[in-house]
Amino acid sequence: MCKVLEVSTSGYYKWLRVQNNPLSKKEYYRLEIQQKISRSFHESYGTYGSPRVHDDLMEWGYSISQKTVARMMKEMGLRATPIEKYVVTTDSNHDLTIYLTYLTDNLM
């Protein structure tokens, strides 16, 4: 049969093994972690980044590094966005003398 399909014998048996057992323990664990990352991210309304998601996973009893959480979040397309926008408080439109200008004018 392998000759007819033009595949190697080892390739056929590897395919057969995958058909009987679709997910390995490692793949199953990875999917479970991804679900927990997604849960933590969405419960925070998208404001949690990898450090806080990592803290949630540690609290839930999972042992995983923060770098792995960050990589998985990037693969999943999850990126934290803060609720409050950055507000510029500097007022550059004024008639007051600026320190450097004042200093150079007095030295000459």
N, C-alpha and C. Protein backbone atom coordinates (compact mmCIF):
# COMPACT_ATOMS: atom_id res chain seq x y z
N MET A 1 0.81 -1.17 0.00
CA MET A 1 0.00 0.00 0.00
C MET A 1 0.86 1.26 0.00
N CYS A 2 2.01 1.23 0.70
CA CYS A 2 2.90 2.38 0.74
C CYS A 2 3.47 2.68 -0.64
N LYS A 3 3.73 1.64 -1.42
CA LYS A 3 4.26 1.85 -2.77
C LYS A 3 3.23 2.51 -3.66
N VAL A 4 1.98 2.10 -3.52
CA VAL A 4 0.90 2.66 -4.34
C VAL A 4 0.70 4.14 -4.00
N LEU A 5 0.73 4.48 -2.70
CA LEU A 5 0.53 5.85 -2.27
C LEU A 5 1.81 6.68 -2.35
N GLU A 6 2.92 6.02 -2.62
CA GLU A 6 4.24 6.65 -2.72
C GLU A 6 4.62 7.39 -1.45
N VAL A 7 4.47 6.72 -0.31
CA VAL A 7 4.88 7.25 0.99
C VAL A 7 5.78 6.22 1.67
N SER A 8 6.58 6.71 2.62
CA SER A 8 7.45 5.80 3.35
C SER A 8 6.64 5.02 4.37
N THR A 9 7.17 3.88 4.76
CA THR A 9 6.48 3.04 5.74
C THR A 9 6.40 3.76 7.08
N SER A 10 7.51 4.40 7.47
CA SER A 10 7.51 5.11 8.76
C SER A 10 6.53 6.29 8.72
N GLY A 11 6.43 6.96 7.59
CA GLY A 11 5.49 8.06 7.45
C GLY A 11 4.05 7.60 7.58
N TYR A 12 3.76 6.42 7.01
CA TYR A 12 2.41 5.87 7.11
C TYR A 12 2.06 5.55 8.56
N TYR A 13 2.99 4.92 9.27
CA TYR A 13 2.71 4.55 10.66
C TYR A 13 2.64 5.78 11.56
N LYS A 14 3.40 6.82 11.25
CA LYS A 14 3.32 8.05 12.01
C LYS A 14 1.93 8.68 11.80
N TRP A 15 1.46 8.71 10.56
CA TRP A 15 0.14 9.24 10.26
C TRP A 15 -0.94 8.44 10.97
N LEU A 16 -0.78 7.10 10.98
CA LEU A 16 -1.75 6.24 11.64
C LEU A 16 -1.80 6.51 13.14
N ARG A 17 -0.64 6.73 13.76
CA ARG A 17 -0.56 7.00 15.19
C ARG A 17 -1.25 8.34 15.51
N VAL A 18 -1.06 9.34 14.66
CA VAL A 18 -1.68 10.64 14.86
C VAL A 18 -3.20 10.54 14.73
N GLN A 19 -3.69 9.70 13.83
CA GLN A 19 -5.13 9.54 13.65
C GLN A 19 -5.78 8.94 14.89
N ASN A 20 -5.08 8.05 15.57
CA ASN A 20 -5.64 7.40 16.75
C ASN A 20 -5.56 8.30 17.98
N ASN A 21 -4.53 9.14 18.08
CA ASN A 21 -4.33 10.01 19.24
C ASN A 21 -4.03 11.42 18.72
N PRO A 22 -5.05 12.24 18.49
CA PRO A 22 -4.84 13.53 17.84
C PRO A 22 -4.01 14.53 18.66
N LEU A 23 -4.15 14.58 19.98
CA LEU A 23 -3.41 15.53 20.80
C LEU A 23 -2.49 14.83 21.78
N SER A 24 -1.25 15.25 21.80
CA SER A 24 -0.33 14.73 22.80
C SER A 24 -0.58 15.46 24.12
N LYS A 25 0.05 15.00 25.18
CA LYS A 25 -0.12 15.65 26.48
C LYS A 25 0.37 17.09 26.43
N LYS A 26 1.47 17.30 25.74
CA LYS A 26 2.06 18.64 25.63
C LYS A 26 1.13 19.58 24.87
N GLU A 27 0.55 19.10 23.78
CA GLU A 27 -0.37 19.93 23.00
C GLU A 27 -1.64 20.23 23.79
N TYR A 28 -2.12 19.24 24.53
CA TYR A 28 -3.31 19.43 25.35
C TYR A 28 -3.04 20.47 26.44
N TYR A 29 -1.87 20.40 27.08
CA TYR A 29 -1.48 21.35 28.13
C TYR A 29 -1.37 22.76 27.54
N ARG A 30 -0.80 22.86 26.34
CA ARG A 30 -0.65 24.15 25.68
C ARG A 30 -2.02 24.78 25.38
N LEU A 31 -2.96 23.98 24.90
CA LEU A 31 -4.32 24.48 24.65
C LEU A 31 -5.00 24.92 25.94
N GLU A 32 -4.77 24.17 27.00
CA GLU A 32 -5.35 24.52 28.30
C GLU A 32 -4.79 25.86 28.80
N ILE A 33 -3.47 26.04 28.66
CA ILE A 33 -2.84 27.30 29.06
C ILE A 33 -3.38 28.46 28.22
N GLN A 34 -3.54 28.24 26.91
CA GLN A 34 -4.06 29.29 26.04
C GLN A 34 -5.47 29.69 26.45
N GLN A 35 -6.28 28.74 26.84
CA GLN A 35 -7.63 29.05 27.29
C GLN A 35 -7.60 29.88 28.58
N LYS A 36 -6.70 29.53 29.50
CA LYS A 36 -6.59 30.28 30.75
C LYS A 36 -6.05 31.69 30.50
N ILE A 37 -5.10 31.83 29.57
CA ILE A 37 -4.58 33.15 29.22
C ILE A 37 -5.70 34.00 28.64
N SER A 38 -6.47 33.42 27.74
CA SER A 38 -7.59 34.14 27.13
C SER A 38 -8.62 34.54 28.19
N ARG A 39 -8.89 33.66 29.13
CA ARG A 39 -9.85 33.94 30.19
C ARG A 39 -9.38 35.12 31.05
N SER A 40 -8.12 35.09 31.47
CA SER A 40 -7.58 36.15 32.30
C SER A 40 -7.59 37.49 31.55
N PHE A 41 -7.21 37.45 30.28
CA PHE A 41 -7.14 38.66 29.46
C PHE A 41 -8.53 39.27 29.28
N HIS A 42 -9.51 38.45 28.97
CA HIS A 42 -10.84 38.96 28.70
C HIS A 42 -11.60 39.34 29.97
N GLU A 43 -11.29 38.71 31.10
CA GLU A 43 -11.90 39.11 32.37
C GLU A 43 -11.43 40.49 32.80
N SER A 44 -10.24 40.87 32.35
CA SER A 44 -9.70 42.19 32.68
C SER A 44 -10.08 43.23 31.62
N TYR A 45 -10.95 42.85 30.71
CA TYR A 45 -11.39 43.71 29.61
C TYR A 45 -10.23 44.17 28.75
N GLY A 46 -9.24 43.30 28.60
CA GLY A 46 -8.11 43.58 27.71
C GLY A 46 -7.07 44.51 28.28
N THR A 47 -7.08 44.74 29.60
CA THR A 47 -6.11 45.65 30.20
C THR A 47 -4.90 44.93 30.79
N TYR A 48 -4.97 43.64 30.97
CA TYR A 48 -3.85 42.88 31.55
C TYR A 48 -2.84 42.51 30.49
N GLY A 49 -1.57 42.78 30.77
CA GLY A 49 -0.48 42.34 29.92
C GLY A 49 0.07 41.03 30.46
N SER A 50 1.21 40.60 29.93
CA SER A 50 1.76 39.31 30.32
C SER A 50 2.13 39.21 31.81
N PRO A 51 2.63 40.27 32.47
CA PRO A 51 2.94 40.11 33.90
C PRO A 51 1.72 39.79 34.76
N ARG A 52 0.61 40.49 34.52
CA ARG A 52 -0.59 40.24 35.33
C ARG A 52 -1.26 38.92 34.95
N VAL A 53 -1.25 38.59 33.67
CA VAL A 53 -1.81 37.30 33.25
C VAL A 53 -0.98 36.18 33.87
N HIS A 54 0.35 36.36 33.90
CA HIS A 54 1.23 35.37 34.52
C HIS A 54 0.89 35.21 36.00
N ASP A 55 0.65 36.34 36.68
CA ASP A 55 0.27 36.27 38.10
C ASP A 55 -1.03 35.49 38.29
N ASP A 56 -1.99 35.71 37.40
CA ASP A 56 -3.25 34.95 37.47
C ASP A 56 -3.01 33.46 37.28
N LEU A 57 -2.17 33.10 36.32
CA LEU A 57 -1.89 31.69 36.07
C LEU A 57 -1.20 31.05 37.27
N MET A 58 -0.27 31.78 37.89
CA MET A 58 0.41 31.25 39.07
C MET A 58 -0.59 31.06 40.22
N GLU A 59 -1.51 32.00 40.33
CA GLU A 59 -2.54 31.92 41.37
C GLU A 59 -3.45 30.71 41.14
N TRP A 60 -3.70 30.38 39.87
CA TRP A 60 -4.54 29.24 39.52
C TRP A 60 -3.80 27.91 39.57
N GLY A 61 -2.50 27.94 39.90
CA GLY A 61 -1.74 26.70 40.08
C GLY A 61 -0.96 26.22 38.88
N TYR A 62 -0.74 27.07 37.88
CA TYR A 62 0.04 26.67 36.71
C TYR A 62 1.48 27.16 36.86
N SER A 63 2.41 26.35 36.44
CA SER A 63 3.82 26.70 36.50
C SER A 63 4.30 27.01 35.08
N ILE A 64 4.49 28.30 34.81
CA ILE A 64 4.86 28.75 33.48
C ILE A 64 5.62 30.06 33.63
N SER A 65 6.56 30.31 32.74
CA SER A 65 7.35 31.54 32.84
C SER A 65 6.60 32.71 32.21
N GLN A 66 6.98 33.91 32.63
CA GLN A 66 6.34 35.11 32.10
C GLN A 66 6.67 35.29 30.62
N LYS A 67 7.87 34.91 30.22
CA LYS A 67 8.25 35.03 28.81
C LYS A 67 7.40 34.11 27.93
N THR A 68 7.10 32.94 28.43
CA THR A 68 6.25 32.02 27.68
C THR A 68 4.84 32.58 27.55
N VAL A 69 4.34 33.18 28.63
CA VAL A 69 3.02 33.80 28.59
C VAL A 69 3.02 34.93 27.57
N ALA A 70 4.07 35.75 27.56
CA ALA A 70 4.16 36.86 26.62
C ALA A 70 4.20 36.35 25.18
N ARG A 71 4.96 35.30 24.94
CA ARG A 71 5.05 34.74 23.59
C ARG A 71 3.71 34.17 23.14
N MET A 72 3.03 33.46 24.04
CA MET A 72 1.74 32.88 23.69
C MET A 72 0.70 33.97 23.45
N MET A 73 0.74 35.04 24.24
CA MET A 73 -0.20 36.15 24.03
C MET A 73 0.05 36.80 22.68
N LYS A 74 1.31 36.92 22.30
CA LYS A 74 1.64 37.51 21.00
C LYS A 74 1.15 36.61 19.87
N GLU A 75 1.31 35.30 20.02
CA GLU A 75 0.83 34.36 19.01
C GLU A 75 -0.69 34.40 18.89
N MET A 76 -1.36 34.64 20.02
CA MET A 76 -2.82 34.68 20.03
C MET A 76 -3.36 36.04 19.61
N GLY A 77 -2.48 37.01 19.47
CA GLY A 77 -2.90 38.34 19.06
C GLY A 77 -3.51 39.16 20.18
N LEU A 78 -3.13 38.85 21.43
CA LEU A 78 -3.65 39.58 22.58
C LEU A 78 -2.64 40.64 23.00
N ARG A 79 -3.11 41.87 23.06
CA ARG A 79 -2.24 42.98 23.45
C ARG A 79 -3.02 43.88 24.40
N ALA A 80 -2.41 44.19 25.55
CA ALA A 80 -3.08 44.99 26.57
C ALA A 80 -3.23 46.44 26.12
N THR A 81 -4.38 47.01 26.41
CA THR A 81 -4.62 48.42 26.13
C THR A 81 -5.12 49.07 27.41
N PRO A 82 -4.49 50.15 27.84
CA PRO A 82 -4.92 50.80 29.08
C PRO A 82 -6.28 51.47 28.91
N ILE A 83 -7.01 51.55 30.00
CA ILE A 83 -8.34 52.16 29.97
C ILE A 83 -8.22 53.66 29.77
N GLU A 84 -7.33 54.29 30.53
CA GLU A 84 -7.17 55.73 30.44
C GLU A 84 -6.17 56.07 29.35
N LYS A 85 -6.50 57.04 28.55
CA LYS A 85 -5.59 57.51 27.52
C LYS A 85 -4.54 58.41 28.15
N TYR A 86 -3.40 58.53 27.50
CA TYR A 86 -2.33 59.40 27.97
C TYR A 86 -2.74 60.85 27.76
N VAL A 87 -2.62 61.65 28.80
CA VAL A 87 -3.01 63.05 28.74
C VAL A 87 -1.75 63.91 28.80
N VAL A 88 -1.58 64.78 27.83
CA VAL A 88 -0.44 65.69 27.81
C VAL A 88 -0.75 66.85 28.73
N THR A 89 0.10 67.10 29.72
CA THR A 89 -0.14 68.18 30.68
C THR A 89 0.83 69.34 30.49
N THR A 90 1.75 69.24 29.57
CA THR A 90 2.70 70.30 29.33
C THR A 90 2.07 71.39 28.47
N ASP A 91 2.21 72.65 28.92
CA ASP A 91 1.70 73.78 28.16
C ASP A 91 2.89 74.50 27.53
N SER A 92 3.11 74.28 26.25
CA SER A 92 4.25 74.88 25.56
C SER A 92 3.90 76.22 24.93
N ASN A 93 2.64 76.56 24.87
CA ASN A 93 2.20 77.82 24.27
C ASN A 93 2.03 78.89 25.35
N HIS A 94 3.14 79.49 25.78
CA HIS A 94 3.08 80.55 26.78
C HIS A 94 4.13 81.60 26.45
N ASP A 95 4.00 82.77 27.07
CA ASP A 95 4.90 83.89 26.80
C ASP A 95 6.00 84.00 27.84
N LEU A 96 6.07 83.07 28.73
CA LEU A 96 7.10 83.13 29.77
C LEU A 96 8.46 82.81 29.19
N THR A 97 9.49 83.33 29.80
CA THR A 97 10.85 83.05 29.31
C THR A 97 11.24 81.63 29.64
N ILE A 98 11.92 81.05 28.73
CA ILE A 98 12.40 79.69 28.91
C ILE A 98 13.77 79.76 29.55
N TYR A 99 14.08 78.86 30.42
CA TYR A 99 15.30 78.90 31.22
C TYR A 99 16.54 79.02 30.36
N LEU A 100 16.70 78.19 29.36
CA LEU A 100 17.91 78.22 28.53
C LEU A 100 18.01 79.52 27.75
N THR A 101 16.92 80.05 27.26
CA THR A 101 16.93 81.31 26.54
C THR A 101 17.29 82.44 27.49
N TYR A 102 16.75 82.43 28.65
CA TYR A 102 17.02 83.45 29.66
C TYR A 102 18.49 83.42 30.05
N LEU A 103 19.05 82.25 30.22
CA LEU A 103 20.43 82.11 30.64
C LEU A 103 21.37 82.60 29.57
N THR A 104 21.15 82.26 28.31
CA THR A 104 22.05 82.66 27.22
C THR A 104 21.95 84.15 26.94
N ASP A 105 20.77 84.76 27.13
CA ASP A 105 20.63 86.20 26.91
C ASP A 105 21.38 87.00 27.96
N ASN A 106 21.41 86.55 29.19
CA ASN A 106 22.07 87.28 30.26
C ASN A 106 23.58 87.12 30.23
N LEU A 107 24.09 86.07 29.63
CA LEU A 107 25.53 85.87 29.59
C LEU A 107 26.19 86.73 28.52
N MET A 108 25.49 87.16 27.54
CA MET A 108 26.09 87.94 26.45
C MET A 108 26.12 89.39 26.71
